[in-house]
N, C-alpha and C. Protein backbone atom coordinates (compact mmCIF):
# COMPACT_ATOMS: atom_id res chain seq x y z
N MET A 1 64.26 84.54 89.72
CA MET A 1 63.27 83.69 89.05
C MET A 1 62.47 84.51 88.05
N VAL A 2 62.10 83.87 86.93
CA VAL A 2 61.27 84.53 85.95
C VAL A 2 59.83 84.48 86.42
N LYS A 3 59.13 85.58 86.30
CA LYS A 3 57.75 85.66 86.77
C LYS A 3 56.86 84.69 85.99
N PRO A 4 56.08 83.82 86.66
CA PRO A 4 55.20 82.90 85.96
C PRO A 4 54.05 83.64 85.28
N ILE A 5 53.70 83.19 84.11
CA ILE A 5 52.55 83.73 83.39
C ILE A 5 51.70 82.56 82.94
N ALA A 6 50.44 82.54 83.36
CA ALA A 6 49.53 81.45 83.01
C ALA A 6 50.12 80.11 83.42
N ASP A 7 50.70 80.06 84.63
CA ASP A 7 51.24 78.83 85.21
C ASP A 7 52.44 78.26 84.46
N ILE A 8 53.06 79.06 83.63
CA ILE A 8 54.26 78.59 82.94
C ILE A 8 55.21 79.77 82.81
N SER A 9 56.49 79.55 83.11
CA SER A 9 57.46 80.65 83.08
C SER A 9 57.80 81.02 81.65
N LEU A 10 58.33 82.22 81.49
CA LEU A 10 58.77 82.65 80.15
C LEU A 10 59.86 81.73 79.62
N ARG A 11 60.71 81.25 80.52
CA ARG A 11 61.79 80.35 80.09
C ARG A 11 61.22 79.05 79.53
N LYS A 12 60.25 78.47 80.22
CA LYS A 12 59.63 77.24 79.73
C LYS A 12 58.90 77.48 78.42
N ALA A 13 58.21 78.61 78.32
CA ALA A 13 57.52 78.95 77.07
C ALA A 13 58.51 79.09 75.93
N ALA A 14 59.67 79.69 76.21
CA ALA A 14 60.71 79.85 75.19
C ALA A 14 61.24 78.49 74.73
N ILE A 15 61.46 77.59 75.68
CA ILE A 15 61.97 76.26 75.34
C ILE A 15 60.97 75.49 74.49
N ILE A 16 59.69 75.53 74.89
CA ILE A 16 58.65 74.86 74.11
C ILE A 16 58.58 75.42 72.69
N SER A 17 58.61 76.74 72.58
CA SER A 17 58.55 77.38 71.27
C SER A 17 59.77 77.03 70.43
N GLY A 18 60.95 77.13 71.05
CA GLY A 18 62.18 76.87 70.31
C GLY A 18 62.26 75.44 69.79
N ILE A 19 61.97 74.47 70.66
CA ILE A 19 62.00 73.07 70.24
C ILE A 19 60.97 72.81 69.15
N SER A 20 59.78 73.37 69.31
CA SER A 20 58.71 73.16 68.33
C SER A 20 59.08 73.72 66.97
N ILE A 21 59.65 74.94 66.96
CA ILE A 21 60.05 75.56 65.69
C ILE A 21 61.14 74.75 65.00
N LEU A 22 62.10 74.26 65.76
CA LEU A 22 63.20 73.51 65.16
C LEU A 22 62.73 72.15 64.62
N ILE A 23 61.91 71.44 65.41
CA ILE A 23 61.38 70.15 64.94
C ILE A 23 60.49 70.36 63.72
N MET A 24 59.66 71.40 63.76
CA MET A 24 58.79 71.72 62.63
C MET A 24 59.60 71.99 61.36
N THR A 25 60.69 72.72 61.50
CA THR A 25 61.53 73.03 60.34
C THR A 25 62.12 71.77 59.73
N ILE A 26 62.62 70.88 60.60
CA ILE A 26 63.20 69.63 60.11
C ILE A 26 62.15 68.75 59.45
N ALA A 27 60.98 68.63 60.10
CA ALA A 27 59.91 67.78 59.56
C ALA A 27 59.40 68.31 58.22
N ALA A 28 59.25 69.63 58.11
CA ALA A 28 58.79 70.21 56.85
C ALA A 28 59.82 70.00 55.74
N ALA A 29 61.10 70.10 56.08
CA ALA A 29 62.15 69.87 55.09
C ALA A 29 62.15 68.41 54.63
N VAL A 30 61.95 67.49 55.57
CA VAL A 30 61.86 66.07 55.21
C VAL A 30 60.70 65.83 54.26
N ALA A 31 59.55 66.46 54.55
CA ALA A 31 58.35 66.26 53.73
C ALA A 31 58.52 66.84 52.33
N THR A 32 59.07 68.05 52.25
CA THR A 32 59.13 68.74 50.96
C THR A 32 60.31 68.32 50.10
N ASP A 33 61.42 67.95 50.73
CA ASP A 33 62.64 67.70 49.95
C ASP A 33 63.05 66.24 49.86
N PHE A 34 62.77 65.44 50.89
CA PHE A 34 63.33 64.09 50.95
C PHE A 34 62.30 62.98 50.82
N THR A 35 61.02 63.30 50.94
CA THR A 35 60.00 62.25 50.82
C THR A 35 59.05 62.59 49.67
N ILE A 36 57.95 63.26 49.97
CA ILE A 36 56.97 63.55 48.93
C ILE A 36 57.57 64.40 47.82
N GLY A 37 58.32 65.41 48.19
CA GLY A 37 58.93 66.27 47.18
C GLY A 37 59.83 65.53 46.21
N SER A 38 60.50 64.49 46.69
CA SER A 38 61.40 63.73 45.82
C SER A 38 60.65 62.81 44.87
N LEU A 39 59.36 62.59 45.13
CA LEU A 39 58.57 61.69 44.29
C LEU A 39 57.77 62.42 43.22
N VAL A 40 57.64 63.73 43.34
CA VAL A 40 56.83 64.51 42.40
C VAL A 40 57.72 65.01 41.26
N VAL A 41 57.33 64.67 40.05
CA VAL A 41 58.03 65.14 38.84
C VAL A 41 57.16 66.21 38.20
N LYS A 42 57.65 67.42 38.19
CA LYS A 42 56.86 68.56 37.72
C LYS A 42 56.42 68.36 36.27
N ASN A 43 55.13 68.57 36.03
CA ASN A 43 54.53 68.48 34.69
C ASN A 43 54.65 67.10 34.07
N ASP A 44 54.79 66.08 34.90
CA ASP A 44 54.87 64.70 34.37
C ASP A 44 54.04 63.79 35.27
N PRO A 45 52.71 63.75 35.08
CA PRO A 45 51.84 62.93 35.93
C PRO A 45 52.18 61.45 35.89
N ALA A 46 52.56 60.92 34.72
CA ALA A 46 52.86 59.50 34.59
C ALA A 46 54.07 59.11 35.46
N ALA A 47 55.13 59.90 35.36
CA ALA A 47 56.33 59.61 36.15
C ALA A 47 56.06 59.79 37.64
N THR A 48 55.25 60.77 37.99
CA THR A 48 54.92 61.00 39.40
C THR A 48 54.15 59.82 39.98
N LEU A 49 53.13 59.35 39.27
CA LEU A 49 52.35 58.21 39.76
C LEU A 49 53.23 56.97 39.87
N LYS A 50 54.10 56.76 38.91
CA LYS A 50 54.98 55.60 38.93
C LYS A 50 55.90 55.63 40.15
N LYS A 51 56.46 56.80 40.45
CA LYS A 51 57.37 56.92 41.59
C LYS A 51 56.63 56.75 42.92
N ILE A 52 55.42 57.31 43.01
CA ILE A 52 54.64 57.17 44.24
C ILE A 52 54.26 55.71 44.47
N THR A 53 53.83 55.03 43.42
CA THR A 53 53.44 53.62 43.52
C THR A 53 54.63 52.76 43.94
N ALA A 54 55.82 53.08 43.40
CA ALA A 54 57.02 52.30 43.72
C ALA A 54 57.57 52.60 45.11
N SER A 55 57.24 53.80 45.63
CA SER A 55 57.78 54.21 46.94
C SER A 55 56.67 54.71 47.84
N GLU A 56 55.64 53.88 47.99
CA GLU A 56 54.46 54.31 48.75
C GLU A 56 54.79 54.61 50.21
N MET A 57 55.66 53.81 50.83
CA MET A 57 56.00 54.04 52.24
C MET A 57 56.73 55.37 52.42
N LEU A 58 57.53 55.75 51.43
CA LEU A 58 58.20 57.04 51.49
C LEU A 58 57.18 58.17 51.45
N PHE A 59 56.16 58.00 50.60
CA PHE A 59 55.08 58.99 50.52
C PHE A 59 54.34 59.08 51.86
N ARG A 60 54.06 57.91 52.45
CA ARG A 60 53.36 57.89 53.74
C ARG A 60 54.20 58.55 54.83
N PHE A 61 55.49 58.34 54.80
CA PHE A 61 56.37 58.98 55.78
C PHE A 61 56.35 60.50 55.60
N GLY A 62 56.21 60.94 54.35
CA GLY A 62 56.08 62.37 54.09
C GLY A 62 54.81 62.94 54.69
N VAL A 63 53.72 62.20 54.58
CA VAL A 63 52.46 62.64 55.20
C VAL A 63 52.63 62.72 56.72
N LEU A 64 53.30 61.72 57.30
CA LEU A 64 53.56 61.74 58.74
C LEU A 64 54.40 62.96 59.12
N SER A 65 55.37 63.30 58.29
CA SER A 65 56.21 64.47 58.55
C SER A 65 55.39 65.74 58.58
N TRP A 66 54.41 65.82 57.68
CA TRP A 66 53.53 66.99 57.67
C TRP A 66 52.65 67.03 58.92
N ILE A 67 52.23 65.88 59.40
CA ILE A 67 51.43 65.85 60.63
C ILE A 67 52.27 66.32 61.82
N VAL A 68 53.54 65.89 61.88
CA VAL A 68 54.44 66.36 62.92
C VAL A 68 54.61 67.88 62.83
N THR A 69 54.77 68.38 61.61
CA THR A 69 54.89 69.83 61.40
C THR A 69 53.67 70.56 61.94
N LEU A 70 52.51 70.03 61.62
CA LEU A 70 51.25 70.63 62.03
C LEU A 70 51.14 70.70 63.56
N LEU A 71 51.47 69.61 64.23
CA LEU A 71 51.39 69.56 65.69
C LEU A 71 52.40 70.52 66.34
N CYS A 72 53.60 70.59 65.77
CA CYS A 72 54.61 71.50 66.31
C CYS A 72 54.20 72.96 66.12
N ASP A 73 53.50 73.25 65.03
CA ASP A 73 53.01 74.60 64.82
C ASP A 73 52.02 75.01 65.92
N VAL A 74 51.18 74.07 66.34
CA VAL A 74 50.23 74.36 67.42
C VAL A 74 51.00 74.67 68.71
N LEU A 75 52.00 73.85 69.03
CA LEU A 75 52.79 74.08 70.23
C LEU A 75 53.55 75.40 70.15
N ALA A 76 54.10 75.70 68.97
CA ALA A 76 54.83 76.96 68.80
C ALA A 76 53.90 78.15 68.99
N SER A 77 52.69 78.05 68.46
CA SER A 77 51.71 79.13 68.62
C SER A 77 51.42 79.39 70.09
N TRP A 78 51.22 78.32 70.84
CA TRP A 78 50.92 78.43 72.27
C TRP A 78 52.10 79.03 73.03
N GLY A 79 53.30 78.49 72.78
CA GLY A 79 54.48 78.96 73.49
C GLY A 79 54.80 80.42 73.17
N LEU A 80 54.68 80.81 71.91
CA LEU A 80 54.98 82.19 71.52
C LEU A 80 53.96 83.16 72.12
N TYR A 81 52.70 82.71 72.21
CA TYR A 81 51.68 83.56 72.84
C TYR A 81 52.06 83.87 74.29
N ILE A 82 52.45 82.84 75.04
CA ILE A 82 52.82 83.04 76.45
C ILE A 82 54.09 83.89 76.55
N PHE A 83 55.05 83.63 75.66
CA PHE A 83 56.33 84.33 75.73
C PHE A 83 56.18 85.82 75.41
N LEU A 84 55.25 86.16 74.53
CA LEU A 84 55.09 87.55 74.10
C LEU A 84 53.88 88.24 74.73
N LYS A 85 53.15 87.52 75.56
CA LYS A 85 51.99 88.09 76.24
C LYS A 85 52.33 89.34 77.06
N PRO A 86 53.49 89.39 77.74
CA PRO A 86 53.82 90.60 78.50
C PRO A 86 53.99 91.84 77.63
N VAL A 87 54.29 91.68 76.35
CA VAL A 87 54.48 92.83 75.46
C VAL A 87 53.14 93.47 75.13
N ASN A 88 52.21 92.66 74.65
CA ASN A 88 50.86 93.12 74.31
C ASN A 88 49.97 91.90 74.23
N LYS A 89 49.10 91.76 75.21
CA LYS A 89 48.28 90.55 75.29
C LYS A 89 47.39 90.37 74.07
N GLU A 90 46.75 91.45 73.61
CA GLU A 90 45.81 91.35 72.50
C GLU A 90 46.52 90.98 71.20
N LEU A 91 47.63 91.67 70.91
CA LEU A 91 48.37 91.37 69.67
C LEU A 91 49.00 89.99 69.73
N SER A 92 49.46 89.59 70.91
CA SER A 92 50.02 88.25 71.05
C SER A 92 48.98 87.18 70.78
N LEU A 93 47.77 87.41 71.25
CA LEU A 93 46.68 86.46 70.99
C LEU A 93 46.34 86.42 69.50
N LEU A 94 46.30 87.59 68.86
CA LEU A 94 46.02 87.64 67.42
C LEU A 94 47.11 86.93 66.64
N MET A 95 48.36 87.14 67.05
CA MET A 95 49.49 86.45 66.41
C MET A 95 49.31 84.94 66.49
N ALA A 96 48.94 84.45 67.67
CA ALA A 96 48.75 83.01 67.85
C ALA A 96 47.59 82.49 66.99
N TRP A 97 46.52 83.26 66.90
CA TRP A 97 45.38 82.83 66.11
C TRP A 97 45.70 82.75 64.61
N PHE A 98 46.52 83.67 64.12
CA PHE A 98 46.93 83.59 62.72
C PHE A 98 47.64 82.26 62.45
N ARG A 99 48.48 81.84 63.39
CA ARG A 99 49.20 80.57 63.19
C ARG A 99 48.25 79.39 63.29
N ILE A 100 47.27 79.46 64.18
CA ILE A 100 46.29 78.38 64.30
C ILE A 100 45.46 78.26 63.02
N VAL A 101 45.07 79.40 62.46
CA VAL A 101 44.33 79.37 61.18
C VAL A 101 45.20 78.75 60.08
N TYR A 102 46.47 79.11 60.08
CA TYR A 102 47.40 78.49 59.12
C TYR A 102 47.44 76.97 59.30
N VAL A 103 47.49 76.52 60.55
CA VAL A 103 47.50 75.08 60.82
C VAL A 103 46.24 74.41 60.27
N ALA A 104 45.09 75.07 60.44
CA ALA A 104 43.83 74.51 59.92
C ALA A 104 43.88 74.39 58.40
N ILE A 105 44.43 75.39 57.73
CA ILE A 105 44.53 75.35 56.27
C ILE A 105 45.51 74.26 55.83
N LEU A 106 46.62 74.12 56.55
CA LEU A 106 47.58 73.05 56.24
C LEU A 106 46.93 71.69 56.41
N GLY A 107 46.12 71.54 57.47
CA GLY A 107 45.42 70.27 57.67
C GLY A 107 44.48 69.97 56.53
N ALA A 108 43.77 70.99 56.04
CA ALA A 108 42.88 70.80 54.89
C ALA A 108 43.68 70.43 53.65
N ALA A 109 44.84 71.05 53.48
CA ALA A 109 45.69 70.74 52.33
C ALA A 109 46.17 69.29 52.36
N LEU A 110 46.44 68.77 53.56
CA LEU A 110 46.93 67.39 53.69
C LEU A 110 45.92 66.35 53.22
N LEU A 111 44.65 66.71 53.23
CA LEU A 111 43.63 65.78 52.73
C LEU A 111 43.87 65.41 51.28
N ASN A 112 44.52 66.29 50.53
CA ASN A 112 44.85 65.97 49.14
C ASN A 112 45.81 64.79 49.06
N TYR A 113 46.77 64.73 49.98
CA TYR A 113 47.70 63.60 49.98
C TYR A 113 47.02 62.32 50.44
N VAL A 114 46.07 62.43 51.35
CA VAL A 114 45.27 61.27 51.75
C VAL A 114 44.50 60.73 50.55
N ASN A 115 43.97 61.63 49.73
CA ASN A 115 43.25 61.21 48.53
C ASN A 115 44.18 60.52 47.53
N VAL A 116 45.42 60.97 47.45
CA VAL A 116 46.39 60.31 46.58
C VAL A 116 46.60 58.87 47.03
N LEU A 117 46.77 58.67 48.33
CA LEU A 117 46.95 57.32 48.86
C LEU A 117 45.73 56.45 48.60
N SER A 118 44.54 57.04 48.68
CA SER A 118 43.32 56.29 48.40
C SER A 118 43.29 55.82 46.95
N LEU A 119 43.69 56.68 46.04
CA LEU A 119 43.71 56.31 44.63
C LEU A 119 44.75 55.22 44.35
N VAL A 120 45.89 55.33 44.99
CA VAL A 120 46.97 54.36 44.75
C VAL A 120 46.63 53.00 45.33
N ASN A 121 45.92 52.98 46.47
CA ASN A 121 45.68 51.73 47.19
C ASN A 121 44.34 51.07 46.89
N ASN A 122 43.34 51.86 46.51
CA ASN A 122 42.00 51.32 46.30
C ASN A 122 41.83 50.91 44.85
N ALA A 123 41.91 49.60 44.59
CA ALA A 123 41.83 49.10 43.22
C ALA A 123 40.48 49.43 42.58
N LYS A 124 39.40 49.30 43.35
CA LYS A 124 38.07 49.58 42.80
C LYS A 124 37.93 51.05 42.43
N LEU A 125 38.46 51.91 43.29
CA LEU A 125 38.39 53.34 42.99
C LEU A 125 39.26 53.69 41.79
N ALA A 126 40.45 53.13 41.74
CA ALA A 126 41.35 53.41 40.62
C ALA A 126 40.80 52.89 39.30
N SER A 127 40.05 51.79 39.37
CA SER A 127 39.51 51.20 38.14
C SER A 127 38.46 52.09 37.48
N ALA A 128 37.96 53.08 38.21
CA ALA A 128 36.99 54.01 37.63
C ALA A 128 37.66 54.98 36.66
N PHE A 129 38.98 55.02 36.67
CA PHE A 129 39.72 55.91 35.77
C PHE A 129 40.56 55.07 34.82
N ASP A 130 40.76 55.56 33.59
CA ASP A 130 41.75 54.91 32.74
C ASP A 130 43.13 55.43 33.14
N GLY A 131 44.18 54.95 32.49
CA GLY A 131 45.54 55.27 32.91
C GLY A 131 45.82 56.76 32.97
N ASP A 132 45.47 57.48 31.89
CA ASP A 132 45.75 58.91 31.83
C ASP A 132 44.92 59.68 32.87
N GLN A 133 43.68 59.26 33.04
CA GLN A 133 42.82 59.94 34.01
C GLN A 133 43.34 59.77 35.43
N LEU A 134 43.81 58.56 35.76
CA LEU A 134 44.33 58.30 37.10
C LEU A 134 45.57 59.15 37.36
N GLN A 135 46.45 59.22 36.39
CA GLN A 135 47.66 60.04 36.53
C GLN A 135 47.31 61.51 36.73
N SER A 136 46.35 61.98 35.94
CA SER A 136 45.95 63.38 36.04
C SER A 136 45.28 63.67 37.38
N GLN A 137 44.49 62.71 37.87
CA GLN A 137 43.80 62.91 39.15
C GLN A 137 44.81 62.98 40.30
N VAL A 138 45.81 62.12 40.26
CA VAL A 138 46.85 62.15 41.28
C VAL A 138 47.58 63.49 41.26
N MET A 139 47.94 63.95 40.06
CA MET A 139 48.64 65.22 39.96
C MET A 139 47.75 66.39 40.39
N LEU A 140 46.45 66.27 40.13
CA LEU A 140 45.50 67.31 40.56
C LEU A 140 45.50 67.43 42.08
N PHE A 141 45.51 66.30 42.78
CA PHE A 141 45.53 66.34 44.24
C PHE A 141 46.85 66.90 44.76
N ILE A 142 47.95 66.52 44.12
CA ILE A 142 49.26 67.03 44.55
C ILE A 142 49.33 68.55 44.36
N ASN A 143 48.84 69.04 43.22
CA ASN A 143 48.81 70.48 43.00
C ASN A 143 47.82 71.16 43.95
N GLY A 144 46.75 70.43 44.31
CA GLY A 144 45.78 70.96 45.26
C GLY A 144 46.42 71.21 46.62
N PHE A 145 47.29 70.29 47.05
CA PHE A 145 48.01 70.52 48.30
C PHE A 145 48.85 71.78 48.21
N SER A 146 49.61 71.91 47.12
CA SER A 146 50.51 73.04 46.97
C SER A 146 49.75 74.37 46.97
N ASP A 147 48.64 74.43 46.23
CA ASP A 147 47.88 75.67 46.14
C ASP A 147 47.21 76.03 47.46
N THR A 148 46.66 75.01 48.14
CA THR A 148 46.02 75.27 49.43
C THR A 148 47.04 75.69 50.47
N TRP A 149 48.21 75.07 50.45
CA TRP A 149 49.28 75.44 51.38
C TRP A 149 49.73 76.88 51.13
N SER A 150 49.74 77.30 49.86
CA SER A 150 50.12 78.68 49.55
C SER A 150 49.16 79.67 50.20
N ILE A 151 47.87 79.34 50.19
CA ILE A 151 46.89 80.20 50.87
C ILE A 151 47.22 80.26 52.36
N GLY A 152 47.54 79.10 52.94
CA GLY A 152 47.90 79.06 54.35
C GLY A 152 49.14 79.89 54.64
N LEU A 153 50.12 79.88 53.73
CA LEU A 153 51.36 80.62 53.97
C LEU A 153 51.15 82.13 53.90
N ILE A 154 50.13 82.57 53.16
CA ILE A 154 49.78 83.99 53.19
C ILE A 154 49.30 84.38 54.58
N VAL A 155 48.45 83.53 55.17
CA VAL A 155 47.99 83.76 56.54
C VAL A 155 49.18 83.70 57.50
N PHE A 156 50.07 82.73 57.27
CA PHE A 156 51.26 82.60 58.11
C PHE A 156 52.12 83.86 58.06
N GLY A 157 52.13 84.53 56.90
CA GLY A 157 52.89 85.76 56.77
C GLY A 157 52.43 86.83 57.75
N PHE A 158 51.11 86.89 58.00
CA PHE A 158 50.60 87.86 58.97
C PHE A 158 50.97 87.47 60.40
N HIS A 159 51.05 86.17 60.66
CA HIS A 159 51.55 85.70 61.95
C HIS A 159 53.00 86.17 62.14
N ILE A 160 53.81 85.99 61.11
CA ILE A 160 55.22 86.38 61.19
C ILE A 160 55.36 87.90 61.35
N LEU A 161 54.48 88.67 60.69
CA LEU A 161 54.50 90.13 60.83
C LEU A 161 54.29 90.54 62.29
N LEU A 162 53.28 89.97 62.93
CA LEU A 162 53.01 90.30 64.33
C LEU A 162 54.11 89.77 65.25
N LEU A 163 54.64 88.59 64.92
CA LEU A 163 55.75 88.04 65.71
C LEU A 163 56.95 88.98 65.65
N GLY A 164 57.25 89.49 64.45
CA GLY A 164 58.36 90.42 64.31
C GLY A 164 58.13 91.72 65.05
N TYR A 165 56.91 92.24 64.96
CA TYR A 165 56.59 93.50 65.64
C TYR A 165 56.70 93.34 67.16
N LEU A 166 56.10 92.28 67.68
CA LEU A 166 56.15 92.04 69.13
C LEU A 166 57.57 91.79 69.61
N GLY A 167 58.34 91.06 68.80
CA GLY A 167 59.73 90.81 69.16
C GLY A 167 60.54 92.11 69.18
N PHE A 168 60.28 92.99 68.22
CA PHE A 168 60.99 94.26 68.15
C PHE A 168 60.65 95.14 69.35
N LYS A 169 59.39 95.11 69.78
CA LYS A 169 58.94 95.97 70.87
C LYS A 169 59.20 95.36 72.26
N SER A 170 59.57 94.09 72.29
CA SER A 170 59.61 93.38 73.58
C SER A 170 60.67 93.91 74.54
N GLY A 171 61.85 94.21 74.01
CA GLY A 171 62.94 94.60 74.89
C GLY A 171 63.73 93.43 75.41
N TYR A 172 63.21 92.20 75.25
CA TYR A 172 63.97 91.03 75.69
C TYR A 172 64.25 90.05 74.55
N ILE A 173 63.91 90.42 73.33
CA ILE A 173 64.31 89.69 72.13
C ILE A 173 65.18 90.63 71.31
N PRO A 174 66.33 90.17 70.81
CA PRO A 174 67.17 91.05 69.98
C PRO A 174 66.36 91.67 68.83
N LYS A 175 66.50 92.97 68.66
CA LYS A 175 65.68 93.68 67.67
C LYS A 175 65.92 93.20 66.25
N ILE A 176 67.10 92.65 65.98
CA ILE A 176 67.39 92.17 64.62
C ILE A 176 66.41 91.09 64.20
N PHE A 177 65.96 90.26 65.15
CA PHE A 177 64.95 89.25 64.83
C PHE A 177 63.65 89.91 64.40
N GLY A 178 63.26 90.97 65.09
CA GLY A 178 62.04 91.67 64.73
C GLY A 178 62.10 92.23 63.32
N VAL A 179 63.22 92.85 62.98
CA VAL A 179 63.38 93.44 61.64
C VAL A 179 63.33 92.35 60.56
N LEU A 180 64.08 91.29 60.76
CA LEU A 180 64.13 90.22 59.76
C LEU A 180 62.77 89.52 59.60
N LEU A 181 62.07 89.34 60.71
CA LEU A 181 60.77 88.69 60.63
C LEU A 181 59.75 89.56 59.91
N ILE A 182 59.80 90.86 60.11
CA ILE A 182 58.89 91.75 59.38
C ILE A 182 59.16 91.69 57.88
N ILE A 183 60.45 91.66 57.49
CA ILE A 183 60.79 91.50 56.08
C ILE A 183 60.32 90.14 55.57
N ALA A 184 60.50 89.10 56.39
CA ALA A 184 60.08 87.75 56.01
C ALA A 184 58.58 87.68 55.77
N SER A 185 57.81 88.42 56.57
CA SER A 185 56.36 88.40 56.40
C SER A 185 55.97 88.89 55.02
N ALA A 186 56.66 89.93 54.55
CA ALA A 186 56.41 90.42 53.18
C ALA A 186 56.77 89.34 52.16
N GLY A 187 57.84 88.60 52.44
CA GLY A 187 58.24 87.53 51.53
C GLY A 187 57.19 86.44 51.42
N TYR A 188 56.64 86.03 52.57
CA TYR A 188 55.60 84.99 52.55
C TYR A 188 54.38 85.45 51.75
N VAL A 189 53.95 86.69 51.97
CA VAL A 189 52.75 87.18 51.30
C VAL A 189 53.00 87.36 49.80
N ILE A 190 54.12 88.00 49.45
CA ILE A 190 54.40 88.30 48.04
C ILE A 190 54.61 87.04 47.22
N THR A 191 55.45 86.12 47.73
CA THR A 191 55.76 84.92 46.95
C THR A 191 54.54 84.02 46.76
N ASN A 192 53.73 83.90 47.77
CA ASN A 192 52.58 83.00 47.67
C ASN A 192 51.40 83.63 46.95
N LEU A 193 51.23 84.94 47.07
CA LEU A 193 50.23 85.61 46.23
C LEU A 193 50.62 85.53 44.77
N GLY A 194 51.93 85.70 44.50
CA GLY A 194 52.41 85.60 43.13
C GLY A 194 52.17 84.22 42.55
N LYS A 195 52.41 83.19 43.37
CA LYS A 195 52.19 81.82 42.91
C LYS A 195 50.74 81.57 42.55
N LEU A 196 49.83 82.15 43.33
CA LEU A 196 48.40 81.92 43.11
C LEU A 196 47.83 82.79 41.99
N LEU A 197 48.37 84.00 41.81
CA LEU A 197 47.73 84.97 40.93
C LEU A 197 48.45 85.20 39.60
N LEU A 198 49.75 84.89 39.53
CA LEU A 198 50.51 85.17 38.30
C LEU A 198 50.72 83.90 37.49
N PRO A 199 50.20 83.83 36.26
CA PRO A 199 50.39 82.64 35.43
C PRO A 199 51.86 82.37 35.12
N ASP A 200 52.66 83.45 35.03
CA ASP A 200 54.08 83.29 34.70
C ASP A 200 54.97 83.46 35.94
N TYR A 201 54.44 83.04 37.09
CA TYR A 201 55.17 83.22 38.35
C TYR A 201 56.55 82.57 38.32
N ASP A 202 56.69 81.45 37.63
CA ASP A 202 57.97 80.75 37.60
C ASP A 202 59.09 81.63 37.06
N ASN A 203 58.74 82.64 36.25
CA ASN A 203 59.76 83.56 35.72
C ASN A 203 60.35 84.45 36.80
N TYR A 204 59.61 84.65 37.89
CA TYR A 204 60.05 85.54 38.96
C TYR A 204 60.45 84.78 40.22
N ARG A 205 60.15 83.50 40.26
CA ARG A 205 60.31 82.73 41.50
C ARG A 205 61.73 82.78 42.03
N THR A 206 62.72 82.53 41.19
CA THR A 206 64.11 82.48 41.64
C THR A 206 64.54 83.80 42.24
N THR A 207 64.18 84.90 41.59
CA THR A 207 64.54 86.23 42.09
C THR A 207 63.94 86.50 43.46
N LEU A 208 62.65 86.18 43.60
CA LEU A 208 61.97 86.43 44.87
C LEU A 208 62.54 85.57 45.99
N VAL A 209 62.86 84.33 45.67
CA VAL A 209 63.45 83.44 46.68
C VAL A 209 64.79 83.99 47.15
N LEU A 210 65.62 84.48 46.21
CA LEU A 210 66.92 85.03 46.58
C LEU A 210 66.78 86.27 47.46
N ILE A 211 65.74 87.07 47.21
CA ILE A 211 65.53 88.29 48.00
C ILE A 211 65.11 87.95 49.43
N PHE A 212 64.23 86.97 49.57
CA PHE A 212 63.59 86.75 50.87
C PHE A 212 64.09 85.53 51.63
N ILE A 213 64.99 84.73 51.06
CA ILE A 213 65.37 83.47 51.70
C ILE A 213 66.02 83.70 53.07
N ALA A 214 66.92 84.69 53.17
CA ALA A 214 67.59 84.94 54.45
C ALA A 214 66.60 85.41 55.53
N PRO A 215 65.76 86.42 55.24
CA PRO A 215 64.77 86.80 56.27
C PRO A 215 63.83 85.67 56.65
N MET A 216 63.44 84.83 55.68
CA MET A 216 62.52 83.74 55.99
C MET A 216 63.16 82.72 56.93
N LEU A 217 64.48 82.60 56.88
CA LEU A 217 65.16 81.67 57.78
C LEU A 217 65.33 82.24 59.19
N SER A 218 64.93 83.51 59.36
CA SER A 218 65.11 84.14 60.68
C SER A 218 64.24 83.48 61.74
N GLU A 219 63.13 82.84 61.34
CA GLU A 219 62.31 82.15 62.33
C GLU A 219 63.08 80.97 62.93
N VAL A 220 63.88 80.29 62.09
CA VAL A 220 64.69 79.19 62.59
C VAL A 220 65.74 79.72 63.57
N ALA A 221 66.36 80.85 63.21
CA ALA A 221 67.34 81.47 64.10
C ALA A 221 66.69 81.89 65.42
N LEU A 222 65.46 82.41 65.33
CA LEU A 222 64.73 82.76 66.54
C LEU A 222 64.46 81.53 67.39
N GLY A 223 64.12 80.42 66.74
CA GLY A 223 63.89 79.17 67.47
C GLY A 223 65.12 78.75 68.25
N LEU A 224 66.30 78.87 67.63
CA LEU A 224 67.55 78.54 68.33
C LEU A 224 67.78 79.47 69.51
N TRP A 225 67.53 80.76 69.29
CA TRP A 225 67.71 81.74 70.37
C TRP A 225 66.75 81.45 71.52
N LEU A 226 65.51 81.14 71.21
CA LEU A 226 64.53 80.83 72.25
C LEU A 226 64.97 79.62 73.07
N LEU A 227 65.49 78.61 72.38
CA LEU A 227 65.90 77.39 73.06
C LEU A 227 67.11 77.62 73.97
N ILE A 228 68.06 78.43 73.50
CA ILE A 228 69.31 78.61 74.24
C ILE A 228 69.22 79.72 75.28
N LYS A 229 68.55 80.81 74.93
CA LYS A 229 68.64 82.01 75.76
C LYS A 229 67.29 82.62 76.14
N GLY A 230 66.23 82.30 75.40
CA GLY A 230 64.95 82.97 75.63
C GLY A 230 64.41 82.81 77.05
N GLY A 231 64.01 83.93 77.66
CA GLY A 231 63.40 83.87 78.99
C GLY A 231 64.36 83.80 80.14
N LYS A 232 65.66 83.76 79.89
CA LYS A 232 66.63 83.72 80.99
C LYS A 232 66.78 85.10 81.59
N VAL A 233 67.00 85.14 82.90
CA VAL A 233 67.21 86.40 83.59
C VAL A 233 68.59 86.92 83.24
N THR A 234 68.63 88.24 82.82
CA THR A 234 69.92 88.82 82.48
C THR A 234 70.36 89.75 83.60
């Protein structure tokens, strides 16, 4: 039997973490690529507002997907803390707190999408703007989500750094996950700092994504490992 920690076994903590990470990954992909992301036309506020108005339920489903992502992040933070607590209790707690802070920032970013829905649905509020102003305001909120989320992802990078370090030192997680996660943490910090600080970031975006995309996906691979094998007695 696996030794219980805080009334929950390492195996159960691994399953909770693994399921949460996988659901979070799917929900975030739905939000960014298939719902809200598919409605945003870069540098074209008029087309963006038109698509959102025509597909409001799709936009709302995207917001719901982000809420699911947020909740799964909380569960993943809790499960990973319990799973890695035997390695180093203090660092494991700090790792969990970095993810919780990220969740708080993501929640604040989501308010921008709520404001978009308010503008689209509230006729009295929308009437305070002319056509161009309304389009610009909607795009401002959408960009506000993106910029705020980037700040959160910088914090998330420090969570991933500690997750990688603890995984590498644990002795019961394959060390390759630790190495890839540490590299991924640099990717999160560099790409999102660049987005916030460099006016010509788009010139470097493709290169940076190609460098860090594989390490960044290592969290998903870790989620699969946690679900299938994490916490089992060997």
